[in-house]
Amino acid sequence: MPLSKLDHNTALIVIDLQKGIAGGDFLHPVSDIVRQTCSLIDAFRAKDLPVVLVNVAGRAPGRTEQGPRSSMSLAEGWTDLLPELDPQPKDILITKRSWGAFATTDLEQQLRARGITQVVVTGVVTSGGVEATARQAYEQGFNVTVATDAVTDVREEAHRYSLENVFPRMAETGSTKDILSLLEVSLKESRATS
């Protein structure tokens, strides 16, 4: 279903925009993903809505057929969030050790405590951390939106499959511009009813 509205209590979740990952070989320039994400961060902060900044510092311990794609050695600064995100004291900082941001953290409890009913997800990798977080949020009963121009992947087919086949089954999708426009509408509606 195309993006039609945002709940009054929506949080932004930014996935894995960190120094150790940002230099990867992505389909879209990470600088574009960061720029789009930062415009959302600025808008959410201006509306006093939660911003969740997620980094990854490990992986789930289970065996896989392919094994890990990289050694994931955590060099100095590897987990540091990109400075453009400009973490603020009110932001929720989450360090995960799995693909999704909900499975190995207290993110669900933190969002529930704030009355959050919807999440907007951005970041990298579309078919990895972004998709896993969107799936987990959906399974926990949150309304989910994915900012389609604020996500990227290392593989075109995986990126496209997530956007065209996976997200429509558990989320709404829209551009950063669409989300920013709906954020304004949601805020006006919230003020009108209070």
C-alpha atoms as a PDB file:
ATOM      1  CA  MET A   1       0.000   0.000   0.000  1.00  0.00           C
ATOM      2  CA  PRO A   2       1.439   3.394  -0.899  1.00  0.00           C
ATOM      3  CA  LEU A   3       2.347   5.662   1.967  1.00  0.00           C
ATOM      4  CA  SER A   4      -0.806   7.463   3.058  1.00  0.00           C
ATOM      5  CA  LYS A   5      -0.221   8.718   6.586  1.00  0.00           C
ATOM      6  CA  LEU A   6       2.057   8.761   9.599  1.00  0.00           C
ATOM      7  CA  ASP A   7       0.844   8.093  13.114  1.00  0.00           C
ATOM      8  CA  HIS A   8       1.112  10.955  15.594  1.00  0.00           C
ATOM      9  CA  ASN A   9       3.593   8.856  17.599  1.00  0.00           C
ATOM     10  CA  THR A  10       6.185   7.864  15.010  1.00  0.00           C
ATOM     11  CA  ALA A  11       9.897   7.226  15.576  1.00  0.00           C
ATOM     12  CA  LEU A  12      12.753   7.288  13.077  1.00  0.00           C
ATOM     13  CA  ILE A  13      15.129   4.306  13.122  1.00  0.00           C
ATOM     14  CA  VAL A  14      18.496   4.768  11.387  1.00  0.00           C
ATOM     15  CA  ILE A  15      20.313   1.494  10.662  1.00  0.00           C
ATOM     16  CA  ASP A  16      24.099   1.000  10.606  1.00  0.00           C
ATOM     17  CA  LEU A  17      25.253   4.374   9.290  1.00  0.00           C
ATOM     18  CA  GLN A  18      28.599   3.909  10.993  1.00  0.00           C
ATOM     19  CA  LYS A  19      32.247   4.339  10.093  1.00  0.00           C
ATOM     20  CA  GLY A  20      33.044   0.645   9.662  1.00  0.00           C
ATOM     21  CA  ILE A  21      30.255   0.127   7.136  1.00  0.00           C
ATOM     22  CA  ALA A  22      29.902   3.459   5.312  1.00  0.00           C
ATOM     23  CA  GLY A  23      32.957   2.836   3.161  1.00  0.00           C
ATOM     24  CA  GLY A  24      31.390  -0.251   1.581  1.00  0.00           C
ATOM     25  CA  ASP A  25      30.689  -0.680  -2.116  1.00  0.00           C
ATOM     26  CA  PHE A  26      27.009   0.317  -2.193  1.00  0.00           C
ATOM     27  CA  LEU A  27      24.651   0.820  -5.144  1.00  0.00           C
ATOM     28  CA  HIS A  28      23.989   4.420  -4.167  1.00  0.00           C
ATOM     29  CA  PRO A  29      26.495   6.842  -2.676  1.00  0.00           C
ATOM     30  CA  VAL A  30      26.349   6.619   1.110  1.00  0.00           C
ATOM     31  CA  SER A  31      26.552  10.422   1.149  1.00  0.00           C
ATOM     32  CA  ASP A  32      23.103  10.509  -0.547  1.00  0.00           C
ATOM     33  CA  ILE A  33      21.658   8.061   1.988  1.00  0.00           C
ATOM     34  CA  VAL A  34      23.121  10.113   4.838  1.00  0.00           C
ATOM     35  CA  ARG A  35      21.779  13.376   3.364  1.00  0.00           C
ATOM     36  CA  GLN A  36      18.248  11.986   3.040  1.00  0.00           C
ATOM     37  CA  THR A  37      18.440  10.435   6.488  1.00  0.00           C
ATOM     38  CA  CYS A  38      19.702  13.659   8.047  1.00  0.00           C
ATOM     39  CA  SER A  39      16.763  15.586   6.597  1.00  0.00           C
ATOM     40  CA  LEU A  40      14.470  13.102   8.355  1.00  0.00           C
ATOM     41  CA  ILE A  41      16.510  13.290  11.569  1.00  0.00           C
ATOM     42  CA  ASP A  42      16.242  17.080  11.576  1.00  0.00           C
ATOM     43  CA  ALA A  43      12.476  16.961  11.027  1.00  0.00           C
ATOM     44  CA  PHE A  44      11.866  14.309  13.697  1.00  0.00           C
ATOM     45  CA  ARG A  45      13.974  16.202  16.232  1.00  0.00           C
ATOM     46  CA  ALA A  46      12.197  19.476  15.384  1.00  0.00           C
ATOM     47  CA  LYS A  47       8.850  17.758  16.054  1.00  0.00           C
ATOM     48  CA  ASP A  48      10.205  16.227  19.299  1.00  0.00           C
ATOM     49  CA  LEU A  49       9.726  12.702  17.916  1.00  0.00           C
ATOM     50  CA  PRO A  50      12.203   9.951  18.817  1.00  0.00           C
ATOM     51  CA  VAL A  51      15.285   9.367  16.690  1.00  0.00           C
ATOM     52  CA  VAL A  52      16.858   5.930  17.109  1.00  0.00           C
ATOM     53  CA  LEU A  53      20.472   5.630  15.971  1.00  0.00           C
ATOM     54  CA  VAL A  54      21.521   1.999  15.580  1.00  0.00           C
ATOM     55  CA  ASN A  55      24.989   0.592  15.102  1.00  0.00           C
ATOM     56  CA  VAL A  56      26.109  -3.014  14.844  1.00  0.00           C
ATOM     57  CA  ALA A  57      28.950  -4.425  16.929  1.00  0.00           C
ATOM     58  CA  GLY A  58      28.757  -8.131  16.217  1.00  0.00           C
ATOM     59  CA  ARG A  59      26.649 -10.851  14.668  1.00  0.00           C
ATOM     60  CA  ALA A  60      24.306 -13.542  15.817  1.00  0.00           C
ATOM     61  CA  PRO A  61      26.277 -16.658  16.831  1.00  0.00           C
ATOM     62  CA  GLY A  62      24.447 -19.259  14.718  1.00  0.00           C
ATOM     63  CA  ARG A  63      26.031 -21.257  11.878  1.00  0.00           C
ATOM     64  CA  THR A  64      25.166 -20.520   8.264  1.00  0.00           C
ATOM     65  CA  GLU A  65      25.901 -22.290   4.984  1.00  0.00           C
ATOM     66  CA  GLN A  66      27.800 -19.339   3.561  1.00  0.00           C
ATOM     67  CA  GLY A  67      29.507 -18.357   6.760  1.00  0.00           C
ATOM     68  CA  PRO A  68      30.232 -14.717   7.462  1.00  0.00           C
ATOM     69  CA  ARG A  69      30.787 -12.445   4.438  1.00  0.00           C
ATOM     70  CA  SER A  70      33.615 -10.691   6.225  1.00  0.00           C
ATOM     71  CA  SER A  71      35.755 -11.180   9.282  1.00  0.00           C
ATOM     72  CA  MET A  72      33.913  -8.231  10.871  1.00  0.00           C
ATOM     73  CA  SER A  73      36.986  -7.290  12.801  1.00  0.00           C
ATOM     74  CA  LEU A  74      36.030  -4.291  14.830  1.00  0.00           C
ATOM     75  CA  ALA A  75      38.922  -1.923  14.247  1.00  0.00           C
ATOM     76  CA  GLU A  76      39.157   1.255  16.279  1.00  0.00           C
ATOM     77  CA  GLY A  77      36.152   3.460  15.461  1.00  0.00           C
ATOM     78  CA  TRP A  78      34.377   0.751  13.403  1.00  0.00           C
ATOM     79  CA  THR A  79      31.138   1.066  15.391  1.00  0.00           C
ATOM     80  CA  ASP A  80      31.196   4.883  15.604  1.00  0.00           C
ATOM     81  CA  LEU A  81      28.130   6.524  14.111  1.00  0.00           C
ATOM     82  CA  LEU A  82      28.819   8.817  11.173  1.00  0.00           C
ATOM     83  CA  PRO A  83      29.399  12.349  12.503  1.00  0.00           C
ATOM     84  CA  GLU A  84      26.742  13.782  10.162  1.00  0.00           C
ATOM     85  CA  LEU A  85      24.072  12.064  12.285  1.00  0.00           C
ATOM     86  CA  ASP A  86      25.072  14.374  15.147  1.00  0.00           C
ATOM     87  CA  PRO A  87      23.738  12.260  18.045  1.00  0.00           C
ATOM     88  CA  GLN A  88      21.808  14.297  20.589  1.00  0.00           C
ATOM     89  CA  PRO A  89      21.131  13.543  24.277  1.00  0.00           C
ATOM     90  CA  LYS A  90      17.438  12.790  23.578  1.00  0.00           C
ATOM     91  CA  ASP A  91      18.244  10.254  20.831  1.00  0.00           C
ATOM     92  CA  ILE A  92      17.902   6.557  21.546  1.00  0.00           C
ATOM     93  CA  LEU A  93      21.244   4.853  20.914  1.00  0.00           C
ATOM     94  CA  ILE A  94      21.070   1.125  20.179  1.00  0.00           C
ATOM     95  CA  THR A  95      23.942  -1.300  19.625  1.00  0.00           C
ATOM     96  CA  LYS A  96      22.819  -4.542  18.038  1.00  0.00           C
ATOM     97  CA  ARG A  97      24.505  -7.886  17.537  1.00  0.00           C
ATOM     98  CA  SER A  98      22.134  -9.217  14.910  1.00  0.00           C
ATOM     99  CA  TRP A  99      20.717  -8.037  11.610  1.00  0.00           C
ATOM    100  CA  GLY A 100      17.607  -6.430  13.058  1.00  0.00           C
ATOM    101  CA  ALA A 101      17.524  -3.748  15.735  1.00  0.00           C
ATOM    102  CA  PHE A 102      14.847  -5.422  17.877  1.00  0.00           C
ATOM    103  CA  ALA A 103      16.099  -9.001  18.408  1.00  0.00           C
ATOM    104  CA  THR A 104      19.101  -8.410  20.689  1.00  0.00           C
ATOM    105  CA  THR A 105      18.159  -5.069  22.250  1.00  0.00           C
ATOM    106  CA  ASP A 106      15.532  -3.348  24.383  1.00  0.00           C
ATOM    107  CA  LEU A 107      14.361  -1.174  21.479  1.00  0.00           C
ATOM    108  CA  GLU A 108      10.761  -2.411  21.588  1.00  0.00           C
ATOM    109  CA  GLN A 109      10.456  -1.558  25.295  1.00  0.00           C
ATOM    110  CA  GLN A 110      11.960   1.891  24.776  1.00  0.00           C
ATOM    111  CA  LEU A 111       9.546   2.680  21.947  1.00  0.00           C
ATOM    112  CA  ARG A 112       6.520   1.317  23.841  1.00  0.00           C
ATOM    113  CA  ALA A 113       7.442   3.427  26.877  1.00  0.00           C
ATOM    114  CA  ARG A 114       7.210   6.492  24.615  1.00  0.00           C
ATOM    115  CA  GLY A 115       3.855   5.449  23.139  1.00  0.00           C
ATOM    116  CA  ILE A 116       5.306   4.874  19.662  1.00  0.00           C
ATOM    117  CA  THR A 117       2.970   3.125  17.192  1.00  0.00           C
ATOM    118  CA  GLN A 118       4.876   3.596  13.926  1.00  0.00           C
ATOM    119  CA  VAL A 119       8.501   3.560  12.798  1.00  0.00           C
ATOM    120  CA  VAL A 120      10.241   4.974   9.737  1.00  0.00           C
ATOM    121  CA  VAL A 121      13.360   2.993   8.793  1.00  0.00           C
ATOM    122  CA  THR A 122      16.434   4.217   6.864  1.00  0.00           C
ATOM    123  CA  GLY A 123      20.044   3.094   6.460  1.00  0.00           C
ATOM    124  CA  VAL A 124      22.048   0.155   5.186  1.00  0.00           C
ATOM    125  CA  VAL A 125      21.813  -2.616   4.022  1.00  0.00           C
ATOM    126  CA  THR A 126      18.342  -2.713   2.397  1.00  0.00           C
ATOM    127  CA  SER A 127      18.123  -6.524   2.312  1.00  0.00           C
ATOM    128  CA  GLY A 128      19.999  -6.939   5.611  1.00  0.00           C
ATOM    129  CA  GLY A 129      19.711  -4.655   8.619  1.00  0.00           C
ATOM    130  CA  VAL A 130      16.960  -2.468   7.162  1.00  0.00           C
ATOM    131  CA  GLU A 131      14.760  -5.391   6.111  1.00  0.00           C
ATOM    132  CA  ALA A 132      15.390  -7.334   9.327  1.00  0.00           C
ATOM    133  CA  THR A 133      14.501  -4.289  11.446  1.00  0.00           C
ATOM    134  CA  ALA A 134      11.364  -3.615   9.392  1.00  0.00           C
ATOM    135  CA  ARG A 135      10.304  -7.269   9.722  1.00  0.00           C
ATOM    136  CA  GLN A 136      10.892  -7.293  13.473  1.00  0.00           C
ATOM    137  CA  ALA A 137       9.032  -3.993  13.952  1.00  0.00           C
ATOM    138  CA  TYR A 138       6.084  -5.319  11.934  1.00  0.00           C
ATOM    139  CA  GLU A 139       6.067  -8.565  13.936  1.00  0.00           C
ATOM    140  CA  GLN A 140       5.982  -6.517  17.163  1.00  0.00           C
ATOM    141  CA  GLY A 141       2.854  -4.712  15.941  1.00  0.00           C
ATOM    142  CA  PHE A 142       4.341  -1.390  14.836  1.00  0.00           C
ATOM    143  CA  ASN A 143       3.213   0.297  11.638  1.00  0.00           C
ATOM    144  CA  VAL A 144       6.310   0.429   9.447  1.00  0.00           C
ATOM    145  CA  THR A 145       7.436   2.843   6.737  1.00  0.00           C
ATOM    146  CA  VAL A 146      10.635   2.488   4.712  1.00  0.00           C
ATOM    147  CA  ALA A 147      12.191   5.605   3.175  1.00  0.00           C
ATOM    148  CA  THR A 148      13.017   4.222  -0.267  1.00  0.00           C
ATOM    149  CA  ASP A 149      15.579   6.877  -1.177  1.00  0.00           C
ATOM    150  CA  ALA A 150      17.329   6.614   2.195  1.00  0.00           C
ATOM    151  CA  VAL A 151      18.302   2.936   1.936  1.00  0.00           C
ATOM    152  CA  THR A 152      20.851   1.118  -0.187  1.00  0.00           C
ATOM    153  CA  ASP A 153      22.423  -2.291  -0.649  1.00  0.00           C
ATOM    154  CA  VAL A 154      25.528  -3.861  -2.120  1.00  0.00           C
ATOM    155  CA  ARG A 155      23.523  -5.959  -4.601  1.00  0.00           C
ATOM    156  CA  GLU A 156      21.004  -4.491  -7.053  1.00  0.00           C
ATOM    157  CA  GLU A 157      18.804  -7.603  -7.154  1.00  0.00           C
ATOM    158  CA  ALA A 158      18.590  -7.793  -3.360  1.00  0.00           C
ATOM    159  CA  HIS A 159      17.801  -4.073  -3.040  1.00  0.00           C
ATOM    160  CA  ARG A 160      15.104  -4.243  -5.701  1.00  0.00           C
ATOM    161  CA  TYR A 161      13.591  -7.458  -4.299  1.00  0.00           C
ATOM    162  CA  SER A 162      13.264  -5.933  -0.822  1.00  0.00           C
ATOM    163  CA  LEU A 163      11.683  -2.732  -2.165  1.00  0.00           C
ATOM    164  CA  GLU A 164       9.311  -4.421  -4.613  1.00  0.00           C
ATOM    165  CA  ASN A 165       8.433  -7.719  -2.918  1.00  0.00           C
ATOM    166  CA  VAL A 166       9.233  -7.713   0.789  1.00  0.00           C
ATOM    167  CA  PHE A 167       8.425  -4.228   2.084  1.00  0.00           C
ATOM    168  CA  PRO A 168       4.962  -3.965   0.469  1.00  0.00           C
ATOM    169  CA  ARG A 169       3.893  -7.044   2.488  1.00  0.00           C
ATOM    170  CA  MET A 170       4.802  -5.555   5.882  1.00  0.00           C
ATOM    171  CA  ALA A 171       5.241  -1.836   5.420  1.00  0.00           C
ATOM    172  CA  GLU A 172       4.393   1.261   3.498  1.00  0.00           C
ATOM    173  CA  THR A 173       7.089   2.850   1.394  1.00  0.00           C
ATOM    174  CA  GLY A 174       7.733   6.384   0.298  1.00  0.00           C
ATOM    175  CA  SER A 175      10.402   8.902  -0.507  1.00  0.00           C
ATOM    176  CA  THR A 176      11.982  11.160   2.073  1.00  0.00           C
ATOM    177  CA  LYS A 177       9.976  14.036   0.589  1.00  0.00           C
ATOM    178  CA  ASP A 178       6.728  12.053   0.995  1.00  0.00           C
ATOM    179  CA  ILE A 179       7.553  11.260   4.611  1.00  0.00           C
ATOM    180  CA  LEU A 180       8.469  14.862   5.410  1.00  0.00           C
ATOM    181  CA  SER A 181       5.171  16.056   3.909  1.00  0.00           C
ATOM    182  CA  LEU A 182       3.160  13.527   5.917  1.00  0.00           C
ATOM    183  CA  LEU A 183       5.082  14.447   9.063  1.00  0.00           C
ATOM    184  CA  GLU A 184       3.784  18.009   8.685  1.00  0.00           C
ATOM    185  CA  VAL A 185       0.207  16.758   8.175  1.00  0.00           C
ATOM    186  CA  SER A 186       0.475  14.460  11.208  1.00  0.00           C
ATOM    187  CA  LEU A 187       1.735  17.277  13.399  1.00  0.00           C
ATOM    188  CA  LYS A 188      -1.106  19.597  12.296  1.00  0.00           C
ATOM    189  CA  GLU A 189      -3.693  16.887  12.985  1.00  0.00           C
ATOM    190  CA  SER A 190      -2.155  16.196  16.392  1.00  0.00           C
ATOM    191  CA  ARG A 191      -2.330  19.891  17.338  1.00  0.00           C
ATOM    192  CA  ALA A 192      -5.924  20.130  16.118  1.00  0.00           C
ATOM    193  CA  THR A 193      -7.059  17.239  18.331  1.00  0.00           C
ATOM    194  CA  SER A 194      -5.218  18.347  21.477  1.00  0.00           C
END
